[in-house]
């Protein structure tokens, strides 16, 4: 079984076995199908994709996506994360909440067809 390697964001894109994010074109594909995101949803996904596999703090996301400092307490990120996960479909499970620390996009290493065959 061949695993698709995660592509570096130095190329202007993020890609794993199921997700492709083109940072310049603001385009997202999941399993080859386009996903239409609002500008804020895209900015949120892009920030997570640029740091794939790493925990990104809530404060960092609030500052980089919305421009809010840590003194601002808002539920807007929770709403946008919920909508983003829904729009990503089954791939939305890769966007993890790390309680008390932040959020992480966990790169998918197995294409969808193989993950279904393996019972994942």
PDB file of N, CA and C in Angstrom:
ATOM      1  N   UNK A   1       0.847  -1.171   0.000  1.00  0.00           N
ATOM      2  CA  UNK A   1       0.000   0.000   0.000  1.00  0.00           C
ATOM      3  C   UNK A   1       0.893   1.235   0.000  1.00  0.00           C
ATOM      4  N   UNK A   2       0.642   2.143  -0.930  1.00  0.00           N
ATOM      5  CA  UNK A   2       1.429   3.361  -1.047  1.00  0.00           C
ATOM      6  C   UNK A   2       0.740   4.494  -0.303  1.00  0.00           C
ATOM      7  N   UNK A   3       1.471   5.186   0.530  1.00  0.00           N
ATOM      8  CA  UNK A   3       0.935   6.324   1.257  1.00  0.00           C
ATOM      9  C   UNK A   3       1.350   7.598   0.545  1.00  0.00           C
ATOM     10  N   UNK A   4       0.453   8.540   0.443  1.00  0.00           N
ATOM     11  CA  UNK A   4       0.767   9.824  -0.158  1.00  0.00           C
ATOM     12  C   UNK A   4       1.424  10.688   0.895  1.00  0.00           C
ATOM     13  N   UNK A   5       2.553  11.257   0.575  1.00  0.00           N
ATOM     14  CA  UNK A   5       3.282  12.085   1.511  1.00  0.00           C
ATOM     15  C   UNK A   5       2.693  13.491   1.550  1.00  0.00           C
ATOM     16  N   UNK A   6       2.731  14.100   2.721  1.00  0.00           N
ATOM     17  CA  UNK A   6       2.260  15.462   2.866  1.00  0.00           C
ATOM     18  C   UNK A   6       3.213  16.389   2.124  1.00  0.00           C
ATOM     19  N   UNK A   7       2.665  17.282   1.318  1.00  0.00           N
ATOM     20  CA  UNK A   7       3.455  18.234   0.553  1.00  0.00           C
ATOM     21  C   UNK A   7       3.710  19.473   1.385  1.00  0.00           C
ATOM     22  N   UNK A   8       4.880  20.016   1.272  1.00  0.00           N
ATOM     23  CA  UNK A   8       5.258  21.204   2.030  1.00  0.00           C
ATOM     24  C   UNK A   8       4.469  22.420   1.576  1.00  0.00           C
ATOM     25  N   UNK A   9       4.171  23.320   2.526  1.00  0.00           N
ATOM     26  CA  UNK A   9       3.459  24.533   2.160  1.00  0.00           C
ATOM     27  C   UNK A   9       4.376  25.551   1.499  1.00  0.00           C
ATOM     28  N   UNK A  10       5.678  25.256   1.378  1.00  0.00           N
ATOM     29  CA  UNK A  10       6.587  26.151   0.660  1.00  0.00           C
ATOM     30  C   UNK A  10       6.203  26.255  -0.806  1.00  0.00           C
ATOM     31  N   UNK A  11       5.476  25.287  -1.300  1.00  0.00           N
ATOM     32  CA  UNK A  11       5.047  25.296  -2.691  1.00  0.00           C
ATOM     33  C   UNK A  11       3.775  26.111  -2.880  1.00  0.00           C
ATOM     34  N   UNK A  12       3.252  26.674  -1.812  1.00  0.00           N
ATOM     35  CA  UNK A  12       2.021  27.440  -1.909  1.00  0.00           C
ATOM     36  C   UNK A  12       0.786  26.580  -1.791  1.00  0.00           C
ATOM     37  N   UNK A  13       0.989  25.342  -1.352  1.00  0.00           N
ATOM     38  CA  UNK A  13      -0.156  24.458  -1.180  1.00  0.00           C
ATOM     39  C   UNK A  13       0.133  23.439  -0.094  1.00  0.00           C
ATOM     40  N   UNK A  14      -0.947  22.898   0.438  1.00  0.00           N
ATOM     41  CA  UNK A  14      -0.872  21.778   1.375  1.00  0.00           C
ATOM     42  C   UNK A  14      -1.567  20.612   0.696  1.00  0.00           C
ATOM     43  N   UNK A  15      -0.981  19.435   0.827  1.00  0.00           N
ATOM     44  CA  UNK A  15      -1.637  18.259   0.268  1.00  0.00           C
ATOM     45  C   UNK A  15      -1.297  17.045   1.098  1.00  0.00           C
ATOM     46  N   UNK A  16      -2.336  16.290   1.442  1.00  0.00           N
ATOM     47  CA  UNK A  16      -2.140  14.981   2.042  1.00  0.00           C
ATOM     48  C   UNK A  16      -2.950  13.993   1.212  1.00  0.00           C
ATOM     49  N   UNK A  17      -3.211  12.823   1.747  1.00  0.00           N
ATOM     50  CA  UNK A  17      -3.861  11.770   0.961  1.00  0.00           C
ATOM     51  C   UNK A  17      -5.286  12.119   0.533  1.00  0.00           C
ATOM     52  N   UNK A  18      -5.953  13.031   1.242  1.00  0.00           N
ATOM     53  CA  UNK A  18      -7.348  13.348   0.931  1.00  0.00           C
ATOM     54  C   UNK A  18      -7.629  14.827   0.730  1.00  0.00           C
ATOM     55  N   UNK A  19      -6.791  15.691   1.249  1.00  0.00           N
ATOM     56  CA  UNK A  19      -7.045  17.131   1.227  1.00  0.00           C
ATOM     57  C   UNK A  19      -5.979  17.855   0.426  1.00  0.00           C
ATOM     58  N   UNK A  20      -6.427  18.824  -0.369  1.00  0.00           N
ATOM     59  CA  UNK A  20      -5.503  19.714  -1.057  1.00  0.00           C
ATOM     60  C   UNK A  20      -5.981  21.140  -0.843  1.00  0.00           C
ATOM     61  N   UNK A  21      -5.063  22.001  -0.378  1.00  0.00           N
ATOM     62  CA  UNK A  21      -5.361  23.402  -0.149  1.00  0.00           C
ATOM     63  C   UNK A  21      -4.355  24.218  -0.949  1.00  0.00           C
ATOM     64  N   UNK A  22      -4.860  25.011  -1.886  1.00  0.00           N
ATOM     65  CA  UNK A  22      -4.018  25.913  -2.669  1.00  0.00           C
ATOM     66  C   UNK A  22      -4.145  27.291  -2.031  1.00  0.00           C
ATOM     67  N   UNK A  23      -3.070  27.736  -1.355  1.00  0.00           N
ATOM     68  CA  UNK A  23      -3.117  28.981  -0.607  1.00  0.00           C
ATOM     69  C   UNK A  23      -3.265  30.197  -1.516  1.00  0.00           C
ATOM     70  N   UNK A  24      -2.704  30.132  -2.728  1.00  0.00           N
ATOM     71  CA  UNK A  24      -2.760  31.275  -3.643  1.00  0.00           C
ATOM     72  C   UNK A  24      -4.122  31.397  -4.327  1.00  0.00           C
ATOM     73  N   UNK A  25      -4.670  30.279  -4.767  1.00  0.00           N
ATOM     74  CA  UNK A  25      -5.953  30.286  -5.474  1.00  0.00           C
ATOM     75  C   UNK A  25      -7.146  30.222  -4.514  1.00  0.00           C
ATOM     76  N   UNK A  26      -6.874  30.015  -3.231  1.00  0.00           N
ATOM     77  CA  UNK A  26      -7.933  29.854  -2.222  1.00  0.00           C
ATOM     78  C   UNK A  26      -8.878  28.727  -2.622  1.00  0.00           C
ATOM     79  N   UNK A  27      -8.285  27.619  -3.055  1.00  0.00           N
ATOM     80  CA  UNK A  27      -9.063  26.463  -3.503  1.00  0.00           C
ATOM     81  C   UNK A  27      -8.824  25.288  -2.573  1.00  0.00           C
ATOM     82  N   UNK A  28      -9.891  24.519  -2.335  1.00  0.00           N
ATOM     83  CA  UNK A  28      -9.823  23.354  -1.458  1.00  0.00           C
ATOM     84  C   UNK A  28     -10.469  22.175  -2.170  1.00  0.00           C
ATOM     85  N   UNK A  29      -9.777  21.042  -2.149  1.00  0.00           N
ATOM     86  CA  UNK A  29     -10.319  19.793  -2.674  1.00  0.00           C
ATOM     87  C   UNK A  29     -10.253  18.742  -1.582  1.00  0.00           C
ATOM     88  N   UNK A  30     -11.336  17.994  -1.417  1.00  0.00           N
ATOM     89  CA  UNK A  30     -11.349  16.833  -0.535  1.00  0.00           C
ATOM     90  C   UNK A  30     -11.698  15.639  -1.403  1.00  0.00           C
ATOM     91  N   UNK A  31     -10.823  14.659  -1.422  1.00  0.00           N
ATOM     92  CA  UNK A  31     -10.997  13.471  -2.263  1.00  0.00           C
ATOM     93  C   UNK A  31     -11.248  13.866  -3.718  1.00  0.00           C
ATOM     94  N   UNK A  32     -10.590  14.948  -4.155  1.00  0.00           N
ATOM     95  CA  UNK A  32     -10.685  15.405  -5.533  1.00  0.00           C
ATOM     96  C   UNK A  32     -11.878  16.280  -5.847  1.00  0.00           C
ATOM     97  N   UNK A  33     -12.790  16.452  -4.906  1.00  0.00           N
ATOM     98  CA  UNK A  33     -13.993  17.267  -5.134  1.00  0.00           C
ATOM     99  C   UNK A  33     -13.801  18.649  -4.512  1.00  0.00           C
ATOM    100  N   UNK A  34     -14.207  19.709  -5.220  1.00  0.00           N
ATOM    101  CA  UNK A  34     -14.052  21.052  -4.664  1.00  0.00           C
ATOM    102  C   UNK A  34     -14.954  21.274  -3.450  1.00  0.00           C
ATOM    103  N   UNK A  35     -14.432  22.010  -2.486  1.00  0.00           N
ATOM    104  CA  UNK A  35     -15.178  22.380  -1.288  1.00  0.00           C
ATOM    105  C   UNK A  35     -15.246  23.905  -1.284  1.00  0.00           C
ATOM    106  N   UNK A  36     -16.437  24.449  -1.231  1.00  0.00           N
ATOM    107  CA  UNK A  36     -16.627  25.896  -1.256  1.00  0.00           C
ATOM    108  C   UNK A  36     -16.681  26.423   0.175  1.00  0.00           C
ATOM    109  N   UNK A  37     -15.688  27.247   0.505  1.00  0.00           N
ATOM    110  CA  UNK A  37     -15.577  27.814   1.850  1.00  0.00           C
ATOM    111  C   UNK A  37     -15.717  29.324   1.793  1.00  0.00           C
ATOM    112  N   UNK A  38     -16.220  29.897   2.877  1.00  0.00           N
ATOM    113  CA  UNK A  38     -16.228  31.350   2.998  1.00  0.00           C
ATOM    114  C   UNK A  38     -14.777  31.805   3.202  1.00  0.00           C
ATOM    115  N   UNK A  39     -14.494  33.086   2.997  1.00  0.00           N
ATOM    116  CA  UNK A  39     -13.120  33.565   3.222  1.00  0.00           C
ATOM    117  C   UNK A  39     -12.594  33.271   4.631  1.00  0.00           C
ATOM    118  N   UNK A  40     -13.422  33.413   5.655  1.00  0.00           N
ATOM    119  CA  UNK A  40     -12.958  33.129   7.015  1.00  0.00           C
ATOM    120  C   UNK A  40     -12.742  31.637   7.237  1.00  0.00           C
ATOM    121  N   UNK A  41     -13.611  30.797   6.685  1.00  0.00           N
ATOM    122  CA  UNK A  41     -13.413  29.347   6.793  1.00  0.00           C
ATOM    123  C   UNK A  41     -12.116  28.942   6.106  1.00  0.00           C
ATOM    124  N   UNK A  42     -11.859  29.539   4.924  1.00  0.00           N
ATOM    125  CA  UNK A  42     -10.613  29.228   4.220  1.00  0.00           C
ATOM    126  C   UNK A  42      -9.413  29.682   5.039  1.00  0.00           C
ATOM    127  N   UNK A  43      -9.463  30.892   5.591  1.00  0.00           N
ATOM    128  CA  UNK A  43      -8.345  31.403   6.394  1.00  0.00           C
ATOM    129  C   UNK A  43      -8.067  30.501   7.592  1.00  0.00           C
ATOM    130  N   UNK A  44      -9.118  30.004   8.213  1.00  0.00           N
ATOM    131  CA  UNK A  44      -8.971  29.096   9.353  1.00  0.00           C
ATOM    132  C   UNK A  44      -8.321  27.785   8.917  1.00  0.00           C
ATOM    133  N   UNK A  45      -8.823  27.187   7.835  1.00  0.00           N
ATOM    134  CA  UNK A  45      -8.242  25.946   7.330  1.00  0.00           C
ATOM    135  C   UNK A  45      -6.799  26.163   6.881  1.00  0.00           C
ATOM    136  N   UNK A  46      -6.542  27.269   6.203  1.00  0.00           N
ATOM    137  CA  UNK A  46      -5.187  27.552   5.724  1.00  0.00           C
ATOM    138  C   UNK A  46      -4.201  27.656   6.879  1.00  0.00           C
ATOM    139  N   UNK A  47      -4.606  28.328   7.954  1.00  0.00           N
ATOM    140  CA  UNK A  47      -3.715  28.455   9.113  1.00  0.00           C
ATOM    141  C   UNK A  47      -3.426  27.089   9.725  1.00  0.00           C
ATOM    142  N   UNK A  48      -4.440  26.244   9.817  1.00  0.00           N
ATOM    143  CA  UNK A  48      -4.233  24.893  10.350  1.00  0.00           C
ATOM    144  C   UNK A  48      -3.381  24.065   9.402  1.00  0.00           C
ATOM    145  N   UNK A  49      -3.616  24.196   8.090  1.00  0.00           N
ATOM    146  CA  UNK A  49      -2.854  23.421   7.102  1.00  0.00           C
ATOM    147  C   UNK A  49      -1.391  23.841   7.070  1.00  0.00           C
ATOM    148  N   UNK A  50      -1.132  25.125   7.234  1.00  0.00           N
ATOM    149  CA  UNK A  50       0.263  25.601   7.252  1.00  0.00           C
ATOM    150  C   UNK A  50       1.025  25.032   8.451  1.00  0.00           C
ATOM    151  N   UNK A  51       0.290  24.610   9.463  1.00  0.00           N
ATOM    152  CA  UNK A  51       0.889  24.050  10.679  1.00  0.00           C
ATOM    153  C   UNK A  51       0.418  22.617  10.908  1.00  0.00           C
ATOM    154  N   UNK A  52       0.147  21.899   9.826  1.00  0.00           N
ATOM    155  CA  UNK A  52      -0.406  20.542   9.922  1.00  0.00           C
ATOM    156  C   UNK A  52       0.421  19.671  10.856  1.00  0.00           C
ATOM    157  N   UNK A  53      -0.305  18.956  11.708  1.00  0.00           N
ATOM    158  CA  UNK A  53       0.337  18.063  12.670  1.00  0.00           C
ATOM    159  C   UNK A  53       0.731  18.745  13.965  1.00  0.00           C
ATOM    160  N   UNK A  54       0.673  20.076  13.983  1.00  0.00           N
ATOM    161  CA  UNK A  54       1.044  20.837  15.174  1.00  0.00           C
ATOM    162  C   UNK A  54      -0.195  21.468  15.795  1.00  0.00           C
ATOM    163  N   UNK A  55      -0.154  21.657  17.090  1.00  0.00           N
ATOM    164  CA  UNK A  55      -1.253  22.324  17.782  1.00  0.00           C
ATOM    165  C   UNK A  55      -1.120  23.831  17.562  1.00  0.00           C
ATOM    166  N   UNK A  56      -2.210  24.446  17.125  1.00  0.00           N
ATOM    167  CA  UNK A  56      -2.260  25.900  16.951  1.00  0.00           C
ATOM    168  C   UNK A  56      -3.192  26.434  18.036  1.00  0.00           C
ATOM    169  N   UNK A  57      -2.691  27.339  18.840  1.00  0.00           N
ATOM    170  CA  UNK A  57      -3.484  27.831  19.969  1.00  0.00           C
ATOM    171  C   UNK A  57      -4.684  28.641  19.484  1.00  0.00           C
ATOM    172  N   UNK A  58      -5.693  28.665  20.318  1.00  0.00           N
ATOM    173  CA  UNK A  58      -6.895  29.447  20.037  1.00  0.00           C
ATOM    174  C   UNK A  58      -6.529  30.924  19.864  1.00  0.00           C
ATOM    175  N   UNK A  59      -5.640  31.433  20.731  1.00  0.00           N
ATOM    176  CA  UNK A  59      -5.220  32.833  20.639  1.00  0.00           C
ATOM    177  C   UNK A  59      -4.548  33.127  19.299  1.00  0.00           C
ATOM    178  N   UNK A  60      -3.713  32.207  18.834  1.00  0.00           N
ATOM    179  CA  UNK A  60      -3.043  32.388  17.544  1.00  0.00           C
ATOM    180  C   UNK A  60      -4.061  32.435  16.414  1.00  0.00           C
ATOM    181  N   UNK A  61      -5.021  31.526  16.436  1.00  0.00           N
ATOM    182  CA  UNK A  61      -6.053  31.515  15.401  1.00  0.00           C
ATOM    183  C   UNK A  61      -6.898  32.785  15.456  1.00  0.00           C
ATOM    184  N   UNK A  62      -7.275  33.206  16.649  1.00  0.00           N
ATOM    185  CA  UNK A  62      -8.081  34.421  16.783  1.00  0.00           C
ATOM    186  C   UNK A  62      -7.331  35.630  16.228  1.00  0.00           C
ATOM    187  N   UNK A  63      -6.024  35.688  16.460  1.00  0.00           N
ATOM    188  CA  UNK A  63      -5.230  36.816  15.993  1.00  0.00           C
ATOM    189  C   UNK A  63      -4.998  36.748  14.481  1.00  0.00           C
ATOM    190  N   UNK A  64      -4.595  35.586  13.966  1.00  0.00           N
ATOM    191  CA  UNK A  64      -4.235  35.494  12.549  1.00  0.00           C
ATOM    192  C   UNK A  64      -5.444  35.472  11.622  1.00  0.00           C
ATOM    193  N   UNK A  65      -6.560  34.909  12.064  1.00  0.00           N
ATOM    194  CA  UNK A  65      -7.743  34.809  11.198  1.00  0.00           C
ATOM    195  C   UNK A  65      -8.666  36.010  11.378  1.00  0.00           C
ATOM    196  N   UNK A  66      -8.907  36.415  12.617  1.00  0.00           N
ATOM    197  CA  UNK A  66      -9.871  37.493  12.880  1.00  0.00           C
ATOM    198  C   UNK A  66      -9.225  38.811  13.288  1.00  0.00           C
ATOM    199  N   UNK A  67      -7.959  38.769  13.685  1.00  0.00           N
ATOM    200  CA  UNK A  67      -7.294  39.985  14.143  1.00  0.00           C
ATOM    201  C   UNK A  67      -7.635  40.361  15.569  1.00  0.00           C
ATOM    202  N   UNK A  68      -8.200  39.412  16.327  1.00  0.00           N
ATOM    203  CA  UNK A  68      -8.570  39.659  17.723  1.00  0.00           C
ATOM    204  C   UNK A  68      -7.421  39.262  18.635  1.00  0.00           C
ATOM    205  N   UNK A  69      -7.180  40.068  19.650  1.00  0.00           N
ATOM    206  CA  UNK A  69      -6.177  39.737  20.649  1.00  0.00           C
ATOM    207  C   UNK A  69      -6.750  38.791  21.694  1.00  0.00           C
ATOM    208  N   UNK A  70      -5.908  38.300  22.612  1.00  0.00           N
ATOM    209  CA  UNK A  70      -6.354  37.329  23.618  1.00  0.00           C
ATOM    210  C   UNK A  70      -7.386  37.876  24.593  1.00  0.00           C
ATOM    211  N   UNK A  71      -7.526  39.203  24.653  1.00  0.00           N
ATOM    212  CA  UNK A  71      -8.510  39.783  25.571  1.00  0.00           C
ATOM    213  C   UNK A  71      -9.943  39.656  25.043  1.00  0.00           C
ATOM    214  N   UNK A  72     -10.094  39.309  23.781  1.00  0.00           N
ATOM    215  CA  UNK A  72     -11.419  39.155  23.176  1.00  0.00           C
ATOM    216  C   UNK A  72     -11.889  37.714  23.380  1.00  0.00           C
ATOM    217  N   UNK A  73     -13.062  37.572  23.947  1.00  0.00           N
ATOM    218  CA  UNK A  73     -13.656  36.247  24.142  1.00  0.00           C
ATOM    219  C   UNK A  73     -14.870  36.152  23.230  1.00  0.00           C
ATOM    220  N   UNK A  74     -14.784  35.264  22.263  1.00  0.00           N
ATOM    221  CA  UNK A  74     -15.836  35.167  21.264  1.00  0.00           C
ATOM    222  C   UNK A  74     -16.073  33.704  20.900  1.00  0.00           C
ATOM    223  N   UNK A  75     -17.291  33.395  20.542  1.00  0.00           N
ATOM    224  CA  UNK A  75     -17.641  32.036  20.108  1.00  0.00           C
ATOM    225  C   UNK A  75     -17.552  31.911  18.585  1.00  0.00           C
ATOM    226  N   UNK A  76     -17.129  32.978  17.906  1.00  0.00           N
ATOM    227  CA  UNK A  76     -17.110  32.954  16.445  1.00  0.00           C
ATOM    228  C   UNK A  76     -16.238  31.824  15.899  1.00  0.00           C
ATOM    229  N   UNK A  77     -15.107  31.550  16.554  1.00  0.00           N
ATOM    230  CA  UNK A  77     -14.243  30.478  16.065  1.00  0.00           C
ATOM    231  C   UNK A  77     -14.937  29.133  16.193  1.00  0.00           C
ATOM    232  N   UNK A  78     -15.657  28.903  17.265  1.00  0.00           N
ATOM    233  CA  UNK A  78     -16.368  27.639  17.442  1.00  0.00           C
ATOM    234  C   UNK A  78     -17.388  27.435  16.326  1.00  0.00           C
ATOM    235  N   UNK A  79     -18.092  28.507  15.985  1.00  0.00           N
ATOM    236  CA  UNK A  79     -19.091  28.434  14.910  1.00  0.00           C
ATOM    237  C   UNK A  79     -18.409  28.138  13.574  1.00  0.00           C
ATOM    238  N   UNK A  80     -17.322  28.843  13.282  1.00  0.00           N
ATOM    239  CA  UNK A  80     -16.618  28.630  12.015  1.00  0.00           C
ATOM    240  C   UNK A  80     -15.985  27.237  11.945  1.00  0.00           C
ATOM    241  N   UNK A  81     -15.439  26.759  13.044  1.00  0.00           N
ATOM    242  CA  UNK A  81     -14.873  25.407  13.055  1.00  0.00           C
ATOM    243  C   UNK A  81     -15.949  24.351  12.809  1.00  0.00           C
ATOM    244  N   UNK A  82     -17.107  24.524  13.416  1.00  0.00           N
ATOM    245  CA  UNK A  82     -18.202  23.573  13.213  1.00  0.00           C
ATOM    246  C   UNK A  82     -18.620  23.553  11.740  1.00  0.00           C
ATOM    247  N   UNK A  83     -18.773  24.732  11.146  1.00  0.00           N
ATOM    248  CA  UNK A  83     -19.155  24.811   9.731  1.00  0.00           C
ATOM    249  C   UNK A  83     -18.067  24.242   8.829  1.00  0.00           C
ATOM    250  N   UNK A  84     -16.807  24.530   9.147  1.00  0.00           N
ATOM    251  CA  UNK A  84     -15.693  24.001   8.365  1.00  0.00           C
ATOM    252  C   UNK A  84     -15.687  22.478   8.399  1.00  0.00           C
ATOM    253  N   UNK A  85     -15.816  21.903   9.584  1.00  0.00           N
ATOM    254  CA  UNK A  85     -15.846  20.442   9.704  1.00  0.00           C
ATOM    255  C   UNK A  85     -16.994  19.839   8.893  1.00  0.00           C
ATOM    256  N   UNK A  86     -18.157  20.473   8.932  1.00  0.00           N
ATOM    257  CA  UNK A  86     -19.304  19.976   8.156  1.00  0.00           C
ATOM    258  C   UNK A  86     -19.011  20.011   6.661  1.00  0.00           C
ATOM    259  N   UNK A  87     -18.448  21.108   6.196  1.00  0.00           N
ATOM    260  CA  UNK A  87     -18.163  21.245   4.769  1.00  0.00           C
ATOM    261  C   UNK A  87     -17.076  20.277   4.305  1.00  0.00           C
ATOM    262  N   UNK A  88     -16.167  19.916   5.187  1.00  0.00           N
ATOM    263  CA  UNK A  88     -15.106  18.953   4.833  1.00  0.00           C
ATOM    264  C   UNK A  88     -15.612  17.518   4.846  1.00  0.00           C
ATOM    265  N   UNK A  89     -16.828  17.296   5.297  1.00  0.00           N
ATOM    266  CA  UNK A  89     -17.408  15.954   5.315  1.00  0.00           C
ATOM    267  C   UNK A  89     -16.628  15.030   6.236  1.00  0.00           C
ATOM    268  N   UNK A  90     -16.384  13.809   5.786  1.00  0.00           N
ATOM    269  CA  UNK A  90     -15.680  12.835   6.631  1.00  0.00           C
ATOM    270  C   UNK A  90     -14.254  13.279   6.947  1.00  0.00           C
ATOM    271  N   UNK A  91     -13.684  14.138   6.119  1.00  0.00           N
ATOM    272  CA  UNK A  91     -12.341  14.644   6.405  1.00  0.00           C
ATOM    273  C   UNK A  91     -12.354  15.591   7.609  1.00  0.00           C
ATOM    274  N   UNK A  92     -13.494  16.134   7.955  1.00  0.00           N
ATOM    275  CA  UNK A  92     -13.601  17.052   9.080  1.00  0.00           C
ATOM    276  C   UNK A  92     -13.089  16.475  10.389  1.00  0.00           C
ATOM    277  N   UNK A  93     -13.074  15.141  10.495  1.00  0.00           N
ATOM    278  CA  UNK A  93     -12.537  14.497  11.704  1.00  0.00           C
ATOM    279  C   UNK A  93     -11.047  14.756  11.871  1.00  0.00           C
ATOM    280  N   UNK A  94     -10.374  15.157  10.794  1.00  0.00           N
ATOM    281  CA  UNK A  94      -8.930  15.424  10.858  1.00  0.00           C
ATOM    282  C   UNK A  94      -8.645  16.746  11.572  1.00  0.00           C
ATOM    283  N   UNK A  95      -9.662  17.593  11.721  1.00  0.00           N
ATOM    284  CA  UNK A  95      -9.513  18.856  12.455  1.00  0.00           C
ATOM    285  C   UNK A  95      -9.846  18.550  13.912  1.00  0.00           C
ATOM    286  N   UNK A  96      -8.818  18.439  14.719  1.00  0.00           N
ATOM    287  CA  UNK A  96      -8.972  18.010  16.101  1.00  0.00           C
ATOM    288  C   UNK A  96      -8.978  19.186  17.064  1.00  0.00           C
ATOM    289  N   UNK A  97      -9.779  19.067  18.106  1.00  0.00           N
ATOM    290  CA  UNK A  97      -9.729  19.989  19.234  1.00  0.00           C
ATOM    291  C   UNK A  97      -8.822  19.351  20.275  1.00  0.00           C
ATOM    292  N   UNK A  98      -7.793  20.065  20.668  1.00  0.00           N
ATOM    293  CA  UNK A  98      -6.887  19.598  21.715  1.00  0.00           C
ATOM    294  C   UNK A  98      -7.224  20.417  22.951  1.00  0.00           C
ATOM    295  N   UNK A  99      -8.022  19.807  23.838  1.00  0.00           N
ATOM    296  CA  UNK A  99      -8.611  20.509  24.974  1.00  0.00           C
ATOM    297  C   UNK A  99      -7.572  21.307  25.756  1.00  0.00           C
ATOM    298  N   UNK A 100      -7.881  22.572  25.955  1.00  0.00           N
ATOM    299  CA  UNK A 100      -7.033  23.455  26.742  1.00  0.00           C
ATOM    300  C   UNK A 100      -5.821  23.992  26.003  1.00  0.00           C
ATOM    301  N   UNK A 101      -5.551  23.480  24.795  1.00  0.00           N
ATOM    302  CA  UNK A 101      -4.363  23.912  24.060  1.00  0.00           C
ATOM    303  C   UNK A 101      -4.690  24.611  22.740  1.00  0.00           C
ATOM    304  N   UNK A 102      -5.620  24.060  21.978  1.00  0.00           N
ATOM    305  CA  UNK A 102      -5.939  24.657  20.683  1.00  0.00           C
ATOM    306  C   UNK A 102      -6.493  23.621  19.726  1.00  0.00           C
ATOM    307  N   UNK A 103      -6.066  23.724  18.476  1.00  0.00           N
ATOM    308  CA  UNK A 103      -6.598  22.872  17.410  1.00  0.00           C
ATOM    309  C   UNK A 103      -5.450  22.361  16.555  1.00  0.00           C
ATOM    310  N   UNK A 104      -5.698  21.226  15.895  1.00  0.00           N
ATOM    311  CA  UNK A 104      -4.660  20.622  15.067  1.00  0.00           C
ATOM    312  C   UNK A 104      -5.310  19.977  13.855  1.00  0.00           C
ATOM    313  N   UNK A 105      -4.712  20.213  12.679  1.00  0.00           N
ATOM    314  CA  UNK A 105      -5.091  19.469  11.483  1.00  0.00           C
ATOM    315  C   UNK A 105      -4.176  18.256  11.443  1.00  0.00           C
ATOM    316  N   UNK A 106      -4.763  17.093  11.623  1.00  0.00           N
ATOM    317  CA  UNK A 106      -4.002  15.849  11.624  1.00  0.00           C
ATOM    318  C   UNK A 106      -3.945  15.352  10.175  1.00  0.00           C
ATOM    319  N   UNK A 107      -2.757  15.370   9.554  1.00  0.00           N
ATOM    320  CA  UNK A 107      -2.661  14.944   8.156  1.00  0.00           C
ATOM    321  C   UNK A 107      -3.169  13.520   7.959  1.00  0.00           C
ATOM    322  N   UNK A 108      -3.905  13.330   6.886  1.00  0.00           N
ATOM    323  CA  UNK A 108      -4.409  12.011   6.529  1.00  0.00           C
ATOM    324  C   UNK A 108      -3.384  11.356   5.611  1.00  0.00           C
ATOM    325  N   UNK A 109      -2.979  10.146   5.931  1.00  0.00           N
ATOM    326  CA  UNK A 109      -1.943   9.467   5.162  1.00  0.00           C
ATOM    327  C   UNK A 109      -2.488   8.377   4.256  1.00  0.00           C
ATOM    328  N   UNK A 110      -3.773   8.054   4.413  1.00  0.00           N
ATOM    329  CA  UNK A 110      -4.357   6.969   3.636  1.00  0.00           C
ATOM    330  C   UNK A 110      -5.521   7.519   2.820  1.00  0.00           C
ATOM    331  N   UNK A 111      -5.507   7.314   1.481  1.00  0.00           N
ATOM    332  CA  UNK A 111      -6.634   7.778   0.670  1.00  0.00           C
ATOM    333  C   UNK A 111      -7.946   7.166   1.140  1.00  0.00           C
ATOM    334  N   UNK A 112      -9.052   7.847   0.872  1.00  0.00           N
ATOM    335  CA  UNK A 112     -10.359   7.425   1.349  1.00  0.00           C
ATOM    336  C   UNK A 112     -10.701   5.997   0.937  1.00  0.00           C
ATOM    337  N   UNK A 113     -10.447   5.631  -0.311  1.00  0.00           N
ATOM    338  CA  UNK A 113     -10.780   4.283  -0.785  1.00  0.00           C
ATOM    339  C   UNK A 113     -10.059   3.239   0.046  1.00  0.00           C
ATOM    340  N   UNK A 114      -8.803   3.489   0.398  1.00  0.00           N
ATOM    341  CA  UNK A 114      -8.055   2.524   1.203  1.00  0.00           C
ATOM    342  C   UNK A 114      -8.512   2.531   2.655  1.00  0.00           C
ATOM    343  N   UNK A 115      -8.873   3.705   3.178  1.00  0.00           N
ATOM    344  CA  UNK A 115      -9.304   3.746   4.573  1.00  0.00           C
ATOM    345  C   UNK A 115     -10.636   3.025   4.756  1.00  0.00           C
ATOM    346  N   UNK A 116     -11.538   3.102   3.757  1.00  0.00           N
ATOM    347  CA  UNK A 116     -12.809   2.369   3.837  1.00  0.00           C
ATOM    348  C   UNK A 116     -12.558   0.863   3.748  1.00  0.00           C
ATOM    349  N   UNK A 117     -11.626   0.453   2.909  1.00  0.00           N
ATOM    350  CA  UNK A 117     -11.315  -0.968   2.762  1.00  0.00           C
ATOM    351  C   UNK A 117     -10.717  -1.535   4.044  1.00  0.00           C
ATOM    352  N   UNK A 118      -9.983  -0.685   4.778  1.00  0.00           N
ATOM    353  CA  UNK A 118      -9.355  -1.130   6.022  1.00  0.00           C
ATOM    354  C   UNK A 118     -10.303  -1.046   7.202  1.00  0.00           C
ATOM    355  N   UNK A 119     -11.495  -0.499   6.969  1.00  0.00           N
ATOM    356  CA  UNK A 119     -12.477  -0.392   8.048  1.00  0.00           C
ATOM    357  C   UNK A 119     -12.257   0.776   8.954  1.00  0.00           C
ATOM    358  N   UNK A 120     -11.500   1.775   8.491  1.00  0.00           N
ATOM    359  CA  UNK A 120     -11.207   2.953   9.326  1.00  0.00           C
ATOM    360  C   UNK A 120     -12.346   3.937   9.314  1.00  0.00           C
TER     361      UNK A 120
END
